[in-house]
Protein backbone atom coordinates (compact mmCIF):
# COMPACT_ATOMS: atom_id res chain seq x y z
CA MET A 1 0.00 0.00 0.00
CA THR A 2 1.26 3.47 -0.86
CA PRO A 3 2.20 5.42 2.28
CA ASP A 4 0.54 8.53 0.84
CA LEU A 5 -2.84 6.90 0.19
CA PHE A 6 -4.74 9.56 2.16
CA SER A 7 -2.30 12.44 1.79
CA LEU A 8 -3.37 15.73 0.22
CA LYS A 9 0.09 17.30 0.20
CA GLY A 10 0.66 19.58 -2.75
CA ARG A 11 -3.04 19.82 -3.58
CA THR A 12 -5.35 22.83 -3.56
CA ALA A 13 -8.98 22.70 -2.47
CA LEU A 14 -11.92 25.07 -2.58
CA VAL A 15 -14.68 24.53 -0.02
CA THR A 16 -17.96 26.42 -0.33
CA GLY A 17 -19.89 27.03 2.85
CA GLY A 18 -16.53 26.64 4.54
CA SER A 19 -16.89 29.10 7.40
CA ARG A 20 -18.94 26.82 9.66
CA GLY A 21 -20.54 23.42 10.10
CA ILE A 22 -19.69 20.53 7.80
CA GLY A 23 -17.73 22.73 5.39
CA LYS A 24 -15.45 23.95 8.15
CA MET A 25 -14.99 20.40 9.48
CA ILE A 26 -13.90 19.18 6.07
CA ALA A 27 -11.66 22.20 5.43
CA ALA A 28 -9.84 21.45 8.70
CA GLY A 29 -9.42 17.82 7.65
CA PHE A 30 -8.02 18.76 4.26
CA ILE A 31 -5.55 21.15 5.87
CA ALA A 32 -4.43 18.48 8.34
CA GLN A 33 -3.62 16.21 5.39
CA GLY A 34 -1.46 18.88 3.76
CA ALA A 35 -3.79 20.64 1.32
CA LYS A 36 -3.86 24.38 0.72
CA VAL A 37 -7.50 25.25 1.28
CA TYR A 38 -9.61 28.16 0.07
CA ILE A 39 -12.95 28.61 1.82
CA SER A 40 -15.92 30.61 0.66
CA SER A 41 -19.10 31.75 2.34
CA ARG A 42 -21.65 34.49 1.89
CA LYS A 43 -20.62 36.52 4.97
CA ALA A 44 -17.16 38.01 4.53
CA ALA A 45 -16.41 38.56 8.23
CA ALA A 46 -17.27 34.97 9.13
CA CYS A 47 -15.26 33.65 6.20
CA ASP A 48 -12.21 35.73 7.15
CA ALA A 49 -12.43 34.65 10.79
CA ALA A 50 -12.75 30.97 9.91
CA ALA A 51 -9.78 31.15 7.53
CA ALA A 52 -7.65 32.78 10.22
CA GLU A 53 -8.66 30.10 12.71
CA LEU A 54 -8.00 27.24 10.32
CA SER A 55 -4.58 28.65 9.45
CA GLY A 56 -3.66 28.77 13.14
CA GLY A 57 -2.21 25.27 13.26
CA GLY A 58 0.43 25.96 10.64
CA GLY A 59 -1.59 25.11 7.53
CA THR A 60 -2.80 27.47 4.84
CA CYS A 61 -6.41 28.59 4.55
CA VAL A 62 -7.47 31.53 2.39
CA SER A 63 -10.78 33.37 2.59
CA LEU A 64 -12.72 34.02 -0.63
CA PRO A 65 -16.11 35.40 0.44
CA GLN A 66 -18.83 35.07 -2.18
CA ASP A 67 -22.55 34.43 -2.44
CA VAL A 68 -22.85 31.49 -4.85
CA SER A 69 -26.66 31.36 -4.95
CA THR A 70 -26.62 32.80 -8.50
CA VAL A 71 -24.75 31.87 -11.66
CA GLU A 72 -23.08 35.27 -11.56
CA GLY A 73 -21.89 34.55 -8.01
CA CYS A 74 -20.49 31.19 -9.08
CA ARG A 75 -18.56 32.81 -11.90
CA ALA A 76 -17.29 35.55 -9.57
CA LEU A 77 -15.94 32.96 -7.12
CA ALA A 78 -14.23 31.07 -9.95
CA GLU A 79 -12.64 34.30 -11.13
CA ALA A 80 -11.48 35.17 -7.61
CA TYR A 81 -9.96 31.72 -7.18
CA SER A 82 -8.20 31.91 -10.53
CA LYS A 83 -6.41 35.07 -9.41
CA HIS A 84 -4.65 32.93 -6.78
CA GLU A 85 -4.20 29.55 -8.47
CA PRO A 86 -4.06 28.24 -12.06
CA LYS A 87 -5.20 24.76 -11.00
CA LEU A 88 -7.79 23.26 -8.65
CA ASP A 89 -7.37 19.72 -7.37
CA ILE A 90 -10.46 19.47 -5.16
CA LEU A 91 -13.80 21.29 -5.30
CA LEU A 92 -16.16 20.65 -2.39
CA ASN A 93 -19.67 21.88 -3.21
CA ASN A 94 -21.03 22.24 0.32
CA ALA A 95 -22.94 25.54 0.44
CA GLY A 96 -26.60 24.85 1.05
CA ALA A 97 -29.88 26.04 2.50
CA ALA A 98 -33.01 24.51 4.04
CA TRP A 99 -36.59 25.67 4.47
CA GLY A 100 -39.36 24.18 6.53
CA ALA A 101 -43.07 25.03 6.36
CA PRO A 102 -46.38 23.13 6.40
CA PHE A 103 -47.48 21.74 3.04
CA ASP A 104 -50.44 24.12 2.69
CA ASP A 105 -48.28 27.15 3.44
CA PHE A 106 -44.99 26.26 1.75
CA PRO A 107 -43.88 29.38 -0.17
CA GLU A 108 -42.38 29.67 -3.62
CA SER A 109 -39.49 31.65 -2.09
CA GLY A 110 -38.64 28.67 0.11
CA TRP A 111 -38.64 26.44 -2.95
CA ASP A 112 -36.53 28.67 -5.17
CA LYS A 113 -33.93 29.62 -2.56
CA VAL A 114 -33.21 26.01 -1.66
CA MET A 115 -33.25 24.57 -5.17
CA ASN A 116 -31.05 27.36 -6.51
CA LEU A 117 -28.34 26.99 -3.88
CA ASN A 118 -28.50 23.23 -3.40
CA VAL A 119 -28.79 22.05 -7.02
CA LYS A 120 -28.15 24.82 -9.51
CA SER A 121 -25.10 26.33 -7.82
CA PRO A 122 -23.05 23.09 -7.58
CA PHE A 123 -23.54 22.56 -11.30
CA PHE A 124 -22.66 26.08 -12.38
CA LEU A 125 -19.77 26.49 -9.96
CA THR A 126 -18.25 23.26 -11.24
CA GLN A 127 -18.81 24.50 -14.78
CA ALA A 128 -17.14 27.83 -13.97
CA LEU A 129 -14.14 26.02 -12.45
CA ALA A 130 -13.83 23.41 -15.18
CA GLY A 131 -10.69 25.07 -16.54
CA PRO A 132 -8.66 24.92 -13.29
CA LEU A 133 -10.00 21.41 -12.57
CA ARG A 134 -8.95 20.15 -16.00
CA ALA A 135 -5.57 21.84 -15.59
CA ALA A 136 -5.00 19.90 -12.36
CA ALA A 137 -6.37 16.58 -13.59
CA SER A 138 -4.40 13.72 -15.07
CA PHE A 139 -4.98 10.02 -15.68
CA GLU A 140 -2.56 9.21 -12.87
CA ARG A 141 -4.03 11.79 -10.43
CA PRO A 142 -7.57 12.90 -11.23
CA ALA A 143 -9.08 16.09 -9.90
CA LYS A 144 -12.04 15.72 -7.56
CA VAL A 145 -15.47 17.30 -7.29
CA ILE A 146 -17.28 16.30 -4.11
CA MET A 147 -20.93 17.17 -3.55
CA VAL A 148 -22.44 17.40 -0.07
CA ALA A 149 -26.02 16.15 -0.17
CA SER A 150 -27.94 14.67 2.77
CA ILE A 151 -29.54 11.40 3.80
CA ASP A 152 -32.79 13.32 3.28
CA GLY A 153 -32.06 12.86 -0.42
CA ILE A 154 -31.96 9.08 0.09
CA ARG A 155 -35.02 8.67 2.28
CA PRO A 156 -37.56 11.16 3.68
CA ASN A 157 -37.87 12.22 7.29
CA PRO A 158 -40.96 13.59 9.02
CA GLN A 159 -39.93 17.24 8.76
CA GLU A 160 -41.79 19.30 6.18
CA THR A 161 -38.72 20.44 4.28
CA TYR A 162 -40.06 19.71 0.82
CA SER A 163 -37.60 21.65 -1.32
CA TYR A 164 -34.65 20.44 0.79
CA HIS A 165 -35.59 16.78 0.32
CA ALA A 166 -36.09 17.29 -3.41
CA SER A 167 -32.88 19.27 -3.82
CA LYS A 168 -30.69 16.71 -2.11
CA ALA A 169 -32.20 13.84 -4.10
CA GLY A 170 -31.59 15.89 -7.22
CA LEU A 171 -27.99 16.57 -6.22
CA ILE A 172 -27.34 12.86 -5.75
CA HIS A 173 -28.60 12.12 -9.24
CA LEU A 174 -26.79 15.15 -10.67
CA THR A 175 -23.58 13.72 -9.17
CA ARG A 176 -24.06 10.54 -11.20
CA ARG A 177 -24.74 12.42 -14.43
CA MET A 178 -21.81 14.81 -14.04
CA ALA A 179 -19.53 11.93 -13.05
CA GLY A 180 -20.32 10.15 -16.30
CA ARG A 181 -19.25 13.18 -18.33
CA LEU A 182 -16.31 14.53 -16.35
CA ILE A 183 -14.45 11.26 -15.85
CA ALA A 184 -13.47 11.62 -19.51
CA ASP A 185 -11.52 14.70 -18.39
CA ASN A 186 -9.96 12.81 -15.46
CA ILE A 187 -12.26 14.59 -13.01
CA VAL A 188 -13.89 12.28 -10.45
CA VAL A 189 -17.28 13.41 -9.15
CA SER A 190 -18.69 11.85 -5.99
CA CYS A 191 -21.06 12.73 -3.18
CA ILE A 192 -21.36 12.62 0.61
CA ALA A 193 -24.77 12.29 2.28
CA PRO A 194 -24.42 13.37 5.93
CA GLY A 195 -26.82 12.45 8.67
CA ALA A 196 -26.91 14.13 12.08
CA PHE A 197 -23.96 16.47 12.57
CA ALA A 198 -24.09 19.46 14.90
CA SER A 199 -24.35 22.61 12.79
CA GLU A 200 -26.38 25.75 12.27
CA MET A 201 -28.41 23.93 9.62
CA ASN A 202 -29.00 20.86 11.82
CA ARG A 203 -29.97 22.51 15.07
CA ASP A 204 -31.56 19.33 16.41
CA ALA A 205 -28.16 17.63 16.34
CA ARG A 206 -26.50 20.74 17.75
CA ASP A 207 -28.98 21.46 20.55
CA HIS A 208 -30.55 18.05 21.25
CA GLY A 209 -27.80 15.64 20.34
CA GLU A 210 -28.32 13.21 23.22
CA GLU A 211 -32.03 12.82 22.49
CA LEU A 212 -31.45 12.50 18.76
CA ALA A 213 -28.75 9.87 19.30
CA LYS A 214 -31.34 7.50 20.76
CA ARG A 215 -32.92 7.19 17.31
CA ILE A 216 -29.63 6.54 15.47
CA PRO A 217 -28.43 2.92 15.12
CA SER A 218 -24.87 3.93 16.12
CA ARG A 219 -26.34 5.65 19.22
CA ARG A 220 -24.54 8.95 18.65
CA ILE A 221 -24.44 11.93 16.34
CA GLY A 222 -21.54 12.46 13.96
CA THR A 223 -18.21 14.00 14.95
CA ASP A 224 -15.78 16.15 13.00
CA GLU A 225 -13.58 13.10 12.43
CA ASP A 226 -16.46 11.11 10.93
CA MET A 227 -17.03 13.79 8.32
CA GLN A 228 -13.34 14.45 7.72
CA GLY A 229 -12.58 10.78 7.22
CA VAL A 230 -14.95 10.24 4.30
CA ALA A 231 -14.07 13.58 2.67
CA ILE A 232 -10.33 12.89 2.86
CA TYR A 233 -10.92 9.41 1.45
CA LEU A 234 -12.78 10.78 -1.57
CA ALA A 235 -10.36 13.67 -2.10
CA SER A 236 -7.18 11.59 -1.89
CA ARG A 237 -5.62 8.79 -3.94
CA ALA A 238 -7.72 6.39 -1.87
CA GLY A 239 -10.89 7.55 -3.61
CA ASP A 240 -9.67 7.79 -7.20
CA TYR A 241 -11.78 4.81 -8.34
CA VAL A 242 -14.99 5.92 -6.60
CA VAL A 243 -16.86 7.56 -9.48
CA GLY A 244 -20.44 8.82 -9.19
CA ALA A 245 -21.06 7.19 -5.81
CA THR A 246 -22.87 8.70 -2.83
CA ILE A 247 -21.63 7.67 0.61
CA ALA A 248 -24.06 8.02 3.52
CA VAL A 249 -22.31 9.12 6.72
CA ASP A 250 -25.13 8.84 9.21
CA GLY A 251 -24.55 6.14 11.81
CA GLY A 252 -26.87 3.76 9.96
CA VAL A 253 -30.04 5.83 9.67
CA ALA A 254 -30.55 5.56 5.91
CA PHE A 255 -29.58 1.93 5.39
CA ALA A 256 -29.60 0.24 8.81
CA GLY A 257 -32.33 2.17 10.61
CA LEU A 258 -35.75 0.86 11.50
CA GLY A 259 -37.24 4.27 12.22
CA GLY A 260 -36.68 7.89 11.33
CA VAL A 261 -34.87 10.93 12.71
């Protein structure tokens, strides 16, 4: 086995939604494995603060604040990145939104906001960064595009988050379609479907983790290391042959659970 199977030394990564939650967890994991990481988020102050914090251990993290909820925003982020680097080894499409409302009251704004950020933006940001990704990619060391979906895209839960469920299911299928095209350019596209991780988006896991853990087969919510492990695997040499797949990281809820969370 190669000693550098999970190493990211010499690679560059761009993580959207990287100032907090799952994006920040993964950015920290990439940095620990030697990658130079750029993080982006809508709020500049939060993005700058997170980059400074993540650089504190001796690694390199650069803040590129940008709202990627529009095609213009995606192109602006790609342009900003290209001013720093000619190549991109790893793109983590993590920025996302959720909206909950009763069926009879669910608003069009809650549909459009979630679908735009969760489905449209990953496609158009990847498209905008296709040049740097292709420049980094080779047959021997493919570039990586990793989507962050959710187990809600694999199976429904009782919460009335209609557009979120639909968007994450769509992202999982979009991963498969994009993977089929981009592997010809030596770009591997794959997907992570997280379960319960403490974050601003998953406040139940953040604020009621012990109660939620009782309904998870593994009897706990996810940790930073759980999320970092699968992301590093997909981003590194270890994941080069994993094309179009979605990996659920959820303690067994989607595929080993007998109930719902």
